[in-house]
Amino acid sequence: MSEPILIRQDAASVAHLTLNNPGALNALSDAMLAALKDELAAIGRDETIRVVIISGAGKVFCAGHDLKEMTRGRGAEDGGKAYFNDLFERCGEVMMAITRLPQPVIAQVHGLATAAGCQMVASCDMAVAATGTRFGVNGINIGLFCSTPMVALSRNIPRKQAFEMLTTGEFIDADNARDFGLVNRVVAHENLSEATTELAAKVASKLSSAVRIGKSAFYDQLEMPLEAAYNFTGQVMADNMMHRDTDEGIRAFIEKRTPDWKQHQ
């Protein structure tokens, strides 16, 4: 029996998803997108999971869409227009599902993250990259502007750097990606898994209800004008203060003891 295209492994309240099609450079094929959509939905319903890690098997993280599959899509009577509309809509749904997932998502990146693969890194809440990893939105090199990857990329890094990447098709290295804000940390390749797991464990150790509230509010307020964002987040914090475990956390801090969080068991 062949291995699944997407592998899920749970440990210590962390769900680790591995893109598992190294022969195709973990391309976001129809099958991969469907597997990601289903697994992310399942994780979103799983209250035992506090953090998610996404990584890639083999030599690279993800090389973007499956170009061979896309070429076959052109065989339809309309030249593939309906297929392509559907493909990019499905891909956008997966990227938005990452952002909308209650749990924080960390990309564990190595080798290469290009086009929709780079889009996935940008869509994750945090990212840890191995030294030597390259990032690109280089569809322009084959005559295809990376318009959908641009959405996530331009919300992560400064606009001039994003536009240069999109129009030149040139790669940036892991250090540039960190300096631009695309990834949080750059570590030696042999330390990548350990460093990502440590970051996930640190986040998982926090009160999960507060993290879930915070992630949702984080993305909501980014789209608001300043005054509306303060009004909104003030209400969010007031609601958060009403939680039993938040009250316990404050009392424990004042009393210099470990909080007894009931929802964190």
C-alpha atoms as a PDB file:
ATOM      1  CA  MET A   1       0.000   0.000   0.000  1.00  0.00           C
ATOM      2  CA  SER A   2       1.381   3.409  -0.954  1.00  0.00           C
ATOM      3  CA  GLU A   3       1.869   6.033   1.736  1.00  0.00           C
ATOM      4  CA  PRO A   4      -0.740   8.794   2.116  1.00  0.00           C
ATOM      5  CA  ILE A   5      -0.044  12.066   0.343  1.00  0.00           C
ATOM      6  CA  LEU A   6      -0.447  13.903   3.651  1.00  0.00           C
ATOM      7  CA  ILE A   7       0.705  12.410   6.953  1.00  0.00           C
ATOM      8  CA  ARG A   8      -0.647  13.533  10.330  1.00  0.00           C
ATOM      9  CA  GLN A   9       1.172  12.723  13.554  1.00  0.00           C
ATOM     10  CA  ASP A  10      -0.035  14.008  16.938  1.00  0.00           C
ATOM     11  CA  ALA A  11       2.206  14.365  19.980  1.00  0.00           C
ATOM     12  CA  ALA A  12       1.841  16.428  23.153  1.00  0.00           C
ATOM     13  CA  SER A  13      -1.137  18.428  21.806  1.00  0.00           C
ATOM     14  CA  VAL A  14       0.733  19.297  18.583  1.00  0.00           C
ATOM     15  CA  ALA A  15      -0.506  18.041  15.212  1.00  0.00           C
ATOM     16  CA  HIS A  16       2.292  17.635  12.655  1.00  0.00           C
ATOM     17  CA  LEU A  17       1.203  17.561   9.014  1.00  0.00           C
ATOM     18  CA  THR A  18       3.801  16.369   6.494  1.00  0.00           C
ATOM     19  CA  LEU A  19       3.351  17.002   2.778  1.00  0.00           C
ATOM     20  CA  ASN A  20       4.324  13.568   1.536  1.00  0.00           C
ATOM     21  CA  ASN A  21       4.872  13.565  -2.199  1.00  0.00           C
ATOM     22  CA  PRO A  22       8.626  14.179  -2.452  1.00  0.00           C
ATOM     23  CA  GLY A  23       8.814  12.794  -5.986  1.00  0.00           C
ATOM     24  CA  ALA A  24       6.702  15.768  -7.113  1.00  0.00           C
ATOM     25  CA  LEU A  25       8.448  18.160  -4.694  1.00  0.00           C
ATOM     26  CA  ASN A  26       5.322  18.091  -2.503  1.00  0.00           C
ATOM     27  CA  ALA A  27       3.371  20.021  -5.133  1.00  0.00           C
ATOM     28  CA  LEU A  28      -0.067  21.314  -4.223  1.00  0.00           C
ATOM     29  CA  SER A  29      -1.876  18.951  -6.568  1.00  0.00           C
ATOM     30  CA  ASP A  30      -5.627  18.409  -6.519  1.00  0.00           C
ATOM     31  CA  ALA A  31      -5.091  15.458  -4.171  1.00  0.00           C
ATOM     32  CA  MET A  32      -2.787  17.412  -1.848  1.00  0.00           C
ATOM     33  CA  LEU A  33      -5.170  20.354  -1.633  1.00  0.00           C
ATOM     34  CA  ALA A  34      -8.084  18.020  -0.877  1.00  0.00           C
ATOM     35  CA  ALA A  35      -6.102  16.223   1.833  1.00  0.00           C
ATOM     36  CA  LEU A  36      -5.025  19.517   3.426  1.00  0.00           C
ATOM     37  CA  LYS A  37      -8.568  20.870   3.372  1.00  0.00           C
ATOM     38  CA  ASP A  38      -9.964  17.764   5.084  1.00  0.00           C
ATOM     39  CA  GLU A  39      -7.192  17.486   7.680  1.00  0.00           C
ATOM     40  CA  LEU A  40      -7.252  21.170   8.605  1.00  0.00           C
ATOM     41  CA  ALA A  41     -11.013  20.961   9.092  1.00  0.00           C
ATOM     42  CA  ALA A  42     -10.570  17.926  11.353  1.00  0.00           C
ATOM     43  CA  ILE A  43      -7.869  19.664  13.389  1.00  0.00           C
ATOM     44  CA  GLY A  44     -10.063  22.738  13.772  1.00  0.00           C
ATOM     45  CA  ARG A  45     -12.672  20.568  15.477  1.00  0.00           C
ATOM     46  CA  ASP A  46     -10.124  18.824  17.698  1.00  0.00           C
ATOM     47  CA  GLU A  47      -9.893  20.669  21.014  1.00  0.00           C
ATOM     48  CA  THR A  48      -6.988  18.465  22.147  1.00  0.00           C
ATOM     49  CA  ILE A  49      -4.736  20.058  19.517  1.00  0.00           C
ATOM     50  CA  ARG A  50      -3.169  23.408  20.483  1.00  0.00           C
ATOM     51  CA  VAL A  51      -0.591  23.942  17.734  1.00  0.00           C
ATOM     52  CA  VAL A  52      -0.058  22.688  14.170  1.00  0.00           C
ATOM     53  CA  ILE A  53       3.231  22.193  12.307  1.00  0.00           C
ATOM     54  CA  ILE A  54       3.350  21.843   8.500  1.00  0.00           C
ATOM     55  CA  SER A  55       6.497  20.408   6.907  1.00  0.00           C
ATOM     56  CA  GLY A  56       7.509  18.665   3.702  1.00  0.00           C
ATOM     57  CA  ALA A  57       9.044  15.241   3.113  1.00  0.00           C
ATOM     58  CA  GLY A  58      12.158  14.812   1.025  1.00  0.00           C
ATOM     59  CA  LYS A  59      14.467  17.522  -0.270  1.00  0.00           C
ATOM     60  CA  VAL A  60      12.074  20.505  -0.274  1.00  0.00           C
ATOM     61  CA  PHE A  61       9.128  21.972   1.589  1.00  0.00           C
ATOM     62  CA  CYS A  62       6.857  22.649  -1.390  1.00  0.00           C
ATOM     63  CA  ALA A  63       7.452  23.726  -5.001  1.00  0.00           C
ATOM     64  CA  GLY A  64       3.961  25.145  -5.564  1.00  0.00           C
ATOM     65  CA  HIS A  65       1.246  23.915  -7.884  1.00  0.00           C
ATOM     66  CA  ASP A  66       1.606  20.755  -9.952  1.00  0.00           C
ATOM     67  CA  LEU A  67       2.405  22.193 -13.393  1.00  0.00           C
ATOM     68  CA  LYS A  68       1.939  18.848 -15.171  1.00  0.00           C
ATOM     69  CA  GLU A  69      -1.540  18.553 -13.674  1.00  0.00           C
ATOM     70  CA  MET A  70      -2.300  22.150 -14.633  1.00  0.00           C
ATOM     71  CA  THR A  71      -1.217  21.445 -18.211  1.00  0.00           C
ATOM     72  CA  ARG A  72      -3.639  18.526 -18.404  1.00  0.00           C
ATOM     73  CA  GLY A  73      -6.385  20.881 -17.201  1.00  0.00           C
ATOM     74  CA  ARG A  74      -6.029  22.833 -20.441  1.00  0.00           C
ATOM     75  CA  GLY A  75      -7.608  19.938 -22.310  1.00  0.00           C
ATOM     76  CA  ALA A  76     -11.151  21.053 -21.534  1.00  0.00           C
ATOM     77  CA  GLU A  77     -13.340  22.672 -24.199  1.00  0.00           C
ATOM     78  CA  ASP A  78     -12.934  26.103 -22.608  1.00  0.00           C
ATOM     79  CA  GLY A  79      -9.159  25.755 -22.584  1.00  0.00           C
ATOM     80  CA  GLY A  80      -9.192  24.963 -18.905  1.00  0.00           C
ATOM     81  CA  LYS A  81     -10.643  28.265 -17.654  1.00  0.00           C
ATOM     82  CA  ALA A  82     -13.213  26.590 -15.398  1.00  0.00           C
ATOM     83  CA  TYR A  83     -10.590  24.179 -14.066  1.00  0.00           C
ATOM     84  CA  PHE A  84      -8.136  26.971 -13.313  1.00  0.00           C
ATOM     85  CA  ASN A  85     -10.805  29.094 -11.616  1.00  0.00           C
ATOM     86  CA  ASP A  86     -11.701  26.119  -9.460  1.00  0.00           C
ATOM     87  CA  LEU A  87      -8.063  25.235  -8.745  1.00  0.00           C
ATOM     88  CA  PHE A  88      -7.083  28.676  -7.507  1.00  0.00           C
ATOM     89  CA  GLU A  89     -10.308  28.962  -5.526  1.00  0.00           C
ATOM     90  CA  ARG A  90      -9.571  25.646  -3.794  1.00  0.00           C
ATOM     91  CA  CYS A  91      -6.003  26.698  -3.093  1.00  0.00           C
ATOM     92  CA  GLY A  92      -7.205  29.999  -1.637  1.00  0.00           C
ATOM     93  CA  GLU A  93      -9.624  28.113   0.599  1.00  0.00           C
ATOM     94  CA  VAL A  94      -6.764  26.016   2.007  1.00  0.00           C
ATOM     95  CA  MET A  95      -4.626  29.100   2.650  1.00  0.00           C
ATOM     96  CA  MET A  96      -7.524  30.861   4.375  1.00  0.00           C
ATOM     97  CA  ALA A  97      -8.244  27.708   6.384  1.00  0.00           C
ATOM     98  CA  ILE A  98      -4.711  27.931   7.805  1.00  0.00           C
ATOM     99  CA  THR A  99      -5.294  31.525   8.862  1.00  0.00           C
ATOM    100  CA  ARG A 100      -8.779  30.799  10.209  1.00  0.00           C
ATOM    101  CA  LEU A 101      -7.785  27.658  12.080  1.00  0.00           C
ATOM    102  CA  PRO A 102      -8.272  28.221  15.835  1.00  0.00           C
ATOM    103  CA  GLN A 103      -4.801  26.840  16.542  1.00  0.00           C
ATOM    104  CA  PRO A 104      -1.554  28.595  15.578  1.00  0.00           C
ATOM    105  CA  VAL A 105       0.170  27.028  12.559  1.00  0.00           C
ATOM    106  CA  ILE A 106       3.959  26.901  12.184  1.00  0.00           C
ATOM    107  CA  ALA A 107       5.662  26.187   8.844  1.00  0.00           C
ATOM    108  CA  GLN A 108       8.800  24.048   9.164  1.00  0.00           C
ATOM    109  CA  VAL A 109      10.594  24.938   5.949  1.00  0.00           C
ATOM    110  CA  HIS A 110      13.625  23.461   4.218  1.00  0.00           C
ATOM    111  CA  GLY A 111      15.113  23.304   0.762  1.00  0.00           C
ATOM    112  CA  LEU A 112      12.666  25.272  -1.333  1.00  0.00           C
ATOM    113  CA  ALA A 113       9.356  27.079  -0.931  1.00  0.00           C
ATOM    114  CA  THR A 114       8.252  28.549  -4.214  1.00  0.00           C
ATOM    115  CA  ALA A 115       5.050  29.946  -5.737  1.00  0.00           C
ATOM    116  CA  ALA A 116       2.114  28.402  -3.848  1.00  0.00           C
ATOM    117  CA  GLY A 117       4.652  26.783  -1.507  1.00  0.00           C
ATOM    118  CA  CYS A 118       5.898  30.228  -0.551  1.00  0.00           C
ATOM    119  CA  GLN A 119       2.248  31.267  -0.275  1.00  0.00           C
ATOM    120  CA  MET A 120       1.726  28.513   2.284  1.00  0.00           C
ATOM    121  CA  VAL A 121       4.680  29.712   4.365  1.00  0.00           C
ATOM    122  CA  ALA A 122       3.275  33.243   4.261  1.00  0.00           C
ATOM    123  CA  SER A 123      -0.177  31.948   5.229  1.00  0.00           C
ATOM    124  CA  CYS A 124       1.103  30.186   8.338  1.00  0.00           C
ATOM    125  CA  ASP A 125       1.141  32.164  11.576  1.00  0.00           C
ATOM    126  CA  MET A 126       4.849  31.530  12.136  1.00  0.00           C
ATOM    127  CA  ALA A 127       7.697  29.860  10.277  1.00  0.00           C
ATOM    128  CA  VAL A 128      11.056  28.311  11.081  1.00  0.00           C
ATOM    129  CA  ALA A 129      13.471  27.822   8.181  1.00  0.00           C
ATOM    130  CA  ALA A 130      16.619  25.821   7.733  1.00  0.00           C
ATOM    131  CA  THR A 131      19.765  27.588   6.617  1.00  0.00           C
ATOM    132  CA  GLY A 132      20.031  27.360   2.848  1.00  0.00           C
ATOM    133  CA  THR A 133      16.282  27.383   2.219  1.00  0.00           C
ATOM    134  CA  ARG A 134      15.219  29.449  -0.807  1.00  0.00           C
ATOM    135  CA  PHE A 135      11.930  31.286  -1.181  1.00  0.00           C
ATOM    136  CA  GLY A 136      10.409  32.553  -4.402  1.00  0.00           C
ATOM    137  CA  VAL A 137       7.270  33.512  -6.274  1.00  0.00           C
ATOM    138  CA  ASN A 138       8.836  32.907  -9.642  1.00  0.00           C
ATOM    139  CA  GLY A 139       5.871  32.124 -11.858  1.00  0.00           C
ATOM    140  CA  ILE A 140       6.839  35.197 -13.882  1.00  0.00           C
ATOM    141  CA  ASN A 141       9.757  33.159 -15.234  1.00  0.00           C
ATOM    142  CA  ILE A 142       7.284  30.978 -17.154  1.00  0.00           C
ATOM    143  CA  GLY A 143       4.907  33.825 -17.998  1.00  0.00           C
ATOM    144  CA  LEU A 144       2.540  33.403 -15.059  1.00  0.00           C
ATOM    145  CA  PHE A 145       2.364  36.201 -12.481  1.00  0.00           C
ATOM    146  CA  CYS A 146       1.984  34.703  -8.992  1.00  0.00           C
ATOM    147  CA  SER A 147      -1.159  36.683  -8.233  1.00  0.00           C
ATOM    148  CA  THR A 148      -2.636  34.401  -5.577  1.00  0.00           C
ATOM    149  CA  PRO A 149       0.680  33.839  -3.756  1.00  0.00           C
ATOM    150  CA  MET A 150       1.028  37.624  -3.841  1.00  0.00           C
ATOM    151  CA  VAL A 151      -1.950  37.976  -1.483  1.00  0.00           C
ATOM    152  CA  ALA A 152      -0.248  36.193   1.399  1.00  0.00           C
ATOM    153  CA  LEU A 153       3.269  37.392   0.540  1.00  0.00           C
ATOM    154  CA  SER A 154       2.308  41.078   0.433  1.00  0.00           C
ATOM    155  CA  ARG A 155       0.694  40.720   3.862  1.00  0.00           C
ATOM    156  CA  ASN A 156       3.977  39.405   5.288  1.00  0.00           C
ATOM    157  CA  ILE A 157       6.810  41.438   3.816  1.00  0.00           C
ATOM    158  CA  PRO A 158       7.312  45.071   2.737  1.00  0.00           C
ATOM    159  CA  ARG A 159       5.647  45.912  -0.544  1.00  0.00           C
ATOM    160  CA  LYS A 160       8.778  46.848  -2.513  1.00  0.00           C
ATOM    161  CA  GLN A 161      10.501  43.577  -1.600  1.00  0.00           C
ATOM    162  CA  ALA A 162       7.340  41.645  -2.471  1.00  0.00           C
ATOM    163  CA  PHE A 163       6.974  43.401  -5.810  1.00  0.00           C
ATOM    164  CA  GLU A 164      10.622  42.762  -6.686  1.00  0.00           C
ATOM    165  CA  MET A 165      10.241  39.057  -5.939  1.00  0.00           C
ATOM    166  CA  LEU A 166       7.055  38.879  -8.011  1.00  0.00           C
ATOM    167  CA  THR A 167       8.407  40.729 -11.056  1.00  0.00           C
ATOM    168  CA  THR A 168      11.973  39.370 -11.190  1.00  0.00           C
ATOM    169  CA  GLY A 169      11.260  35.770 -10.232  1.00  0.00           C
ATOM    170  CA  GLU A 170      14.429  35.788  -8.145  1.00  0.00           C
ATOM    171  CA  PHE A 171      14.791  33.745  -4.972  1.00  0.00           C
ATOM    172  CA  ILE A 172      15.626  35.099  -1.536  1.00  0.00           C
ATOM    173  CA  ASP A 173      17.542  33.077   1.022  1.00  0.00           C
ATOM    174  CA  ALA A 174      16.487  32.192   4.538  1.00  0.00           C
ATOM    175  CA  ASP A 175      18.283  35.141   6.129  1.00  0.00           C
ATOM    176  CA  ASN A 176      16.560  37.587   3.772  1.00  0.00           C
ATOM    177  CA  ALA A 177      13.252  35.865   4.484  1.00  0.00           C
ATOM    178  CA  ARG A 178      13.803  36.408   8.204  1.00  0.00           C
ATOM    179  CA  ASP A 179      14.857  40.041   7.721  1.00  0.00           C
ATOM    180  CA  PHE A 180      11.807  40.700   5.522  1.00  0.00           C
ATOM    181  CA  GLY A 181       9.461  39.057   8.059  1.00  0.00           C
ATOM    182  CA  LEU A 182       8.489  35.963   6.066  1.00  0.00           C
ATOM    183  CA  VAL A 183       9.970  33.599   8.677  1.00  0.00           C
ATOM    184  CA  ASN A 184      10.586  33.964  12.402  1.00  0.00           C
ATOM    185  CA  ARG A 185      13.770  31.960  12.834  1.00  0.00           C
ATOM    186  CA  VAL A 186      16.582  30.471  10.785  1.00  0.00           C
ATOM    187  CA  VAL A 187      18.416  27.445  12.182  1.00  0.00           C
ATOM    188  CA  ALA A 188      20.873  24.833  10.985  1.00  0.00           C
ATOM    189  CA  HIS A 189      19.173  22.122   8.943  1.00  0.00           C
ATOM    190  CA  GLU A 190      19.988  19.445  11.513  1.00  0.00           C
ATOM    191  CA  ASN A 191      18.249  21.540  14.201  1.00  0.00           C
ATOM    192  CA  LEU A 192      15.137  22.402  12.175  1.00  0.00           C
ATOM    193  CA  SER A 193      12.773  19.803  13.603  1.00  0.00           C
ATOM    194  CA  GLU A 194      13.922  20.390  17.169  1.00  0.00           C
ATOM    195  CA  ALA A 195      13.663  24.186  16.899  1.00  0.00           C
ATOM    196  CA  THR A 196      10.189  24.025  15.379  1.00  0.00           C
ATOM    197  CA  THR A 197       9.008  21.538  18.000  1.00  0.00           C
ATOM    198  CA  GLU A 198      10.382  23.761  20.780  1.00  0.00           C
ATOM    199  CA  LEU A 199       8.481  26.765  19.414  1.00  0.00           C
ATOM    200  CA  ALA A 200       5.304  24.699  19.114  1.00  0.00           C
ATOM    201  CA  ALA A 201       5.706  23.410  22.680  1.00  0.00           C
ATOM    202  CA  LYS A 202       6.150  26.926  24.021  1.00  0.00           C
ATOM    203  CA  VAL A 203       2.933  28.091  22.358  1.00  0.00           C
ATOM    204  CA  ALA A 204       1.112  24.900  23.402  1.00  0.00           C
ATOM    205  CA  SER A 205       2.050  25.563  27.036  1.00  0.00           C
ATOM    206  CA  LYS A 206      -0.061  28.740  27.093  1.00  0.00           C
ATOM    207  CA  LEU A 207      -3.762  28.791  27.921  1.00  0.00           C
ATOM    208  CA  SER A 208      -5.293  27.410  24.723  1.00  0.00           C
ATOM    209  CA  SER A 209      -8.550  29.357  25.008  1.00  0.00           C
ATOM    210  CA  ALA A 210      -6.611  32.633  25.207  1.00  0.00           C
ATOM    211  CA  VAL A 211      -4.443  31.702  22.220  1.00  0.00           C
ATOM    212  CA  ARG A 212      -7.508  30.836  20.147  1.00  0.00           C
ATOM    213  CA  ILE A 213      -9.176  34.131  21.069  1.00  0.00           C
ATOM    214  CA  GLY A 214      -5.990  35.982  20.280  1.00  0.00           C
ATOM    215  CA  LYS A 215      -5.370  34.392  16.891  1.00  0.00           C
ATOM    216  CA  SER A 216      -8.847  35.217  15.666  1.00  0.00           C
ATOM    217  CA  ALA A 217      -8.638  38.797  16.950  1.00  0.00           C
ATOM    218  CA  PHE A 218      -5.144  39.238  15.499  1.00  0.00           C
ATOM    219  CA  TYR A 219      -6.317  38.732  11.924  1.00  0.00           C
ATOM    220  CA  ASP A 220      -9.635  40.524  12.373  1.00  0.00           C
ATOM    221  CA  GLN A 221      -8.064  43.734  13.699  1.00  0.00           C
ATOM    222  CA  LEU A 222      -5.465  43.864  10.914  1.00  0.00           C
ATOM    223  CA  GLU A 223      -8.233  44.687   8.449  1.00  0.00           C
ATOM    224  CA  MET A 224      -9.705  47.502  10.571  1.00  0.00           C
ATOM    225  CA  PRO A 225      -8.953  51.219  10.863  1.00  0.00           C
ATOM    226  CA  LEU A 226      -7.042  52.132  14.043  1.00  0.00           C
ATOM    227  CA  GLU A 227      -9.973  53.344  16.142  1.00  0.00           C
ATOM    228  CA  ALA A 228     -12.190  50.422  15.127  1.00  0.00           C
ATOM    229  CA  ALA A 229      -9.358  48.008  15.922  1.00  0.00           C
ATOM    230  CA  TYR A 230      -9.006  49.409  19.453  1.00  0.00           C
ATOM    231  CA  ASN A 231     -12.770  49.291  20.020  1.00  0.00           C
ATOM    232  CA  PHE A 232     -12.914  45.714  18.768  1.00  0.00           C
ATOM    233  CA  THR A 233      -9.902  44.418  20.690  1.00  0.00           C
ATOM    234  CA  GLY A 234     -11.064  46.158  23.870  1.00  0.00           C
ATOM    235  CA  GLN A 235     -14.247  44.094  23.709  1.00  0.00           C
ATOM    236  CA  VAL A 236     -12.228  40.965  22.958  1.00  0.00           C
ATOM    237  CA  MET A 237     -10.059  41.524  26.040  1.00  0.00           C
ATOM    238  CA  ALA A 238     -13.110  42.225  28.205  1.00  0.00           C
ATOM    239  CA  ASP A 239     -14.650  38.939  27.067  1.00  0.00           C
ATOM    240  CA  ASN A 240     -11.337  37.167  27.667  1.00  0.00           C
ATOM    241  CA  MET A 241     -11.259  38.544  31.218  1.00  0.00           C
ATOM    242  CA  MET A 242     -14.569  36.787  31.912  1.00  0.00           C
ATOM    243  CA  HIS A 243     -12.996  33.348  31.456  1.00  0.00           C
ATOM    244  CA  ARG A 244     -12.494  31.344  34.630  1.00  0.00           C
ATOM    245  CA  ASP A 245      -8.994  30.263  33.618  1.00  0.00           C
ATOM    246  CA  THR A 246      -7.940  33.835  32.829  1.00  0.00           C
ATOM    247  CA  ASP A 247      -9.008  34.908  36.314  1.00  0.00           C
ATOM    248  CA  GLU A 248      -7.096  31.944  37.724  1.00  0.00           C
ATOM    249  CA  GLY A 249      -4.007  32.915  35.709  1.00  0.00           C
ATOM    250  CA  ILE A 250      -4.057  36.451  37.109  1.00  0.00           C
ATOM    251  CA  ARG A 251      -4.575  35.233  40.671  1.00  0.00           C
ATOM    252  CA  ALA A 252      -1.759  32.713  40.294  1.00  0.00           C
ATOM    253  CA  PHE A 253       0.591  35.428  39.040  1.00  0.00           C
ATOM    254  CA  ILE A 254      -0.225  37.668  41.987  1.00  0.00           C
ATOM    255  CA  GLU A 255       0.160  34.768  44.423  1.00  0.00           C
ATOM    256  CA  LYS A 256       3.379  33.580  42.720  1.00  0.00           C
ATOM    257  CA  ARG A 257       2.154  30.052  41.989  1.00  0.00           C
ATOM    258  CA  THR A 258       1.403  27.871  38.969  1.00  0.00           C
ATOM    259  CA  PRO A 259      -2.123  28.442  37.607  1.00  0.00           C
ATOM    260  CA  ASP A 260      -4.658  25.636  37.890  1.00  0.00           C
ATOM    261  CA  TRP A 261      -6.134  25.884  34.385  1.00  0.00           C
ATOM    262  CA  LYS A 262      -9.132  23.587  34.019  1.00  0.00           C
ATOM    263  CA  GLN A 263      -9.328  23.886  30.217  1.00  0.00           C
ATOM    264  CA  HIS A 264      -5.624  23.090  29.797  1.00  0.00           C
ATOM    265  CA  GLN A 265      -5.642  19.544  31.141  1.00  0.00           C
END
